[in-house]
Structures are given as C-alpha cells and as structure tokens.
C-alpha cells in the first residue's frame, strides 16, 4: 500500500528532487526493533543538540518498542522505493488509536 505525499509550495530540501517521494506505511514487526530504537535515539540526540530537554538516548529500548508493536501500535513510513535499514522515514505509535483507521491505511 502506498500513499503519495501531497504537493507543497515549500521548496524541497533536496534541490534535485523533482516531486515528493511516495510514502509507504506498514505495521512494524519484530525485525524493525533495531531501527525503531535507532530512530528514537537519533531524534533524542537531535533535540539535545538544539537545547531541547525532552527525550534521552537509550531511554526507550527494544523492550518498549516490542511491547508497543505487539499491541499493534507502531507503524513505519518509508519514502521512496529502497526498503531496508536506514530507509525508514518515520514511525508513529498511537496507544489506544483506532485500529480501524490504521487497517484502512494498510489496505489502501
């Protein structure tokens, strides 16, 4: 299932990018745990570099993300066509979110 990003009048961060890449959404699995922890830690380091005292690297590990994904609460968005480590463009974890909405996204 693929959703295409909406057009934007804002300039692209990549001057060679002619159109926004397609975004694909899928439910996270056990094999994504390392990537989920890496993304969270990268975001925490990004905040710290900007003086934001909120998340800490290492604060949430595989146990946390494993419990969340087994509850069906973690989804991964990838941009473009190259899956694999480092290709994840973002995640979302919505405890108690409507599973009907997410099921609709995963089936198109």
Protein backbone atom coordinates (compact mmCIF):
# COMPACT_ATOMS: atom_id res chain seq x y z
CA UNK A 1 0.00 0.00 0.00
CA UNK A 2 1.41 3.38 -0.99
CA UNK A 3 0.21 6.88 -0.30
CA UNK A 4 1.74 9.79 -2.21
CA UNK A 5 2.78 12.90 -0.33
CA UNK A 6 0.69 15.97 -1.12
CA UNK A 7 2.20 18.67 -3.30
CA UNK A 8 3.71 21.57 -1.46
CA UNK A 9 4.61 25.12 -2.37
CA UNK A 10 7.54 24.97 0.05
CA UNK A 11 10.96 24.50 -1.54
CA UNK A 12 12.39 21.00 -1.33
CA UNK A 13 15.33 20.34 0.97
CA UNK A 14 16.85 18.37 -1.92
CA UNK A 15 17.23 20.63 -4.99
CA UNK A 16 17.43 17.55 -7.26
CA UNK A 17 14.09 16.20 -6.03
CA UNK A 18 11.51 16.96 -8.73
CA UNK A 19 8.49 15.60 -6.86
CA UNK A 20 7.89 14.28 -3.36
CA UNK A 21 8.65 10.57 -2.99
CA UNK A 22 5.78 8.18 -2.44
CA UNK A 23 5.28 7.23 1.19
CA UNK A 24 4.55 3.64 2.14
CA UNK A 25 3.07 2.70 5.50
CA UNK A 26 3.26 -0.68 7.16
CA UNK A 27 2.84 -2.14 10.60
CA UNK A 28 6.19 -2.57 12.37
CA UNK A 29 7.43 -6.09 13.10
CA UNK A 30 9.98 -7.69 15.39
CA UNK A 31 12.65 -7.29 12.70
CA UNK A 32 12.22 -3.48 12.97
CA UNK A 33 13.21 -3.19 16.64
CA UNK A 34 16.80 -2.09 15.98
CA UNK A 35 15.62 0.56 13.50
CA UNK A 36 12.93 1.83 15.90
CA UNK A 37 15.45 2.25 18.72
CA UNK A 38 17.92 3.95 16.34
CA UNK A 39 15.29 6.40 15.11
CA UNK A 40 14.21 7.29 18.66
CA UNK A 41 17.81 7.76 19.81
CA UNK A 42 18.61 9.88 16.73
CA UNK A 43 15.60 12.08 17.48
CA UNK A 44 16.71 12.39 21.12
CA UNK A 45 20.22 13.45 20.04
CA UNK A 46 18.71 15.96 17.58
CA UNK A 47 16.70 17.51 20.44
CA UNK A 48 19.73 17.69 22.74
CA UNK A 49 21.82 19.39 20.01
CA UNK A 50 19.14 22.11 19.88
CA UNK A 51 18.86 22.58 23.62
CA UNK A 52 15.59 20.67 23.93
CA UNK A 53 15.48 18.75 27.21
CA UNK A 54 12.85 16.12 26.47
CA UNK A 55 13.99 12.73 25.14
CA UNK A 56 17.22 10.97 26.12
CA UNK A 57 19.22 8.48 24.01
CA UNK A 58 18.77 4.97 25.40
CA UNK A 59 15.61 5.95 27.26
CA UNK A 60 13.41 3.55 25.26
CA UNK A 61 14.85 0.26 24.12
CA UNK A 62 13.74 -2.88 22.31
CA UNK A 63 11.54 -3.95 25.25
CA UNK A 64 9.46 -0.78 24.98
CA UNK A 65 9.08 -0.92 21.20
CA UNK A 66 8.49 -4.68 21.26
CA UNK A 67 5.54 -4.28 23.62
CA UNK A 68 4.14 -1.41 21.53
CA UNK A 69 4.43 -3.28 18.23
CA UNK A 70 2.90 -6.47 19.66
CA UNK A 71 -0.06 -4.29 20.67
CA UNK A 72 -0.31 -3.17 17.02
CA UNK A 73 0.54 0.42 17.88
CA UNK A 74 3.68 1.04 15.80
CA UNK A 75 3.64 1.87 12.10
CA UNK A 76 6.57 2.71 9.82
CA UNK A 77 6.61 5.17 6.94
CA UNK A 78 9.24 4.80 4.24
CA UNK A 79 9.92 7.25 1.45
CA UNK A 80 10.94 6.08 -1.97
CA UNK A 81 11.49 2.57 -3.23
CA UNK A 82 14.52 1.27 -1.33
CA UNK A 83 13.48 -0.73 1.76
CA UNK A 84 15.97 -1.84 4.36
CA UNK A 85 17.97 -0.49 7.30
CA UNK A 86 18.16 3.28 7.27
CA UNK A 87 15.29 3.71 4.79
CA UNK A 88 12.65 4.30 7.45
CA UNK A 89 11.36 7.85 7.17
CA UNK A 90 9.39 7.89 10.38
CA UNK A 91 7.28 5.96 12.82
CA UNK A 92 4.14 6.53 14.76
CA UNK A 93 2.98 4.90 17.95
CA UNK A 94 -0.56 5.63 18.98
CA UNK A 95 -1.60 3.79 22.15
CA UNK A 96 -5.33 3.21 22.00
CA UNK A 97 -5.59 4.65 18.48
CA UNK A 98 -8.39 3.47 16.26
CA UNK A 99 -7.09 0.27 14.66
CA UNK A 100 -9.81 0.63 12.01
CA UNK A 101 -8.13 3.79 10.67
CA UNK A 102 -4.70 2.13 10.51
CA UNK A 103 -6.11 -1.03 8.90
CA UNK A 104 -7.67 1.18 6.22
CA UNK A 105 -4.28 2.80 5.53
CA UNK A 106 -2.54 -0.57 5.22
CA UNK A 107 -5.06 -1.95 2.75
CA UNK A 108 -5.29 1.16 0.59
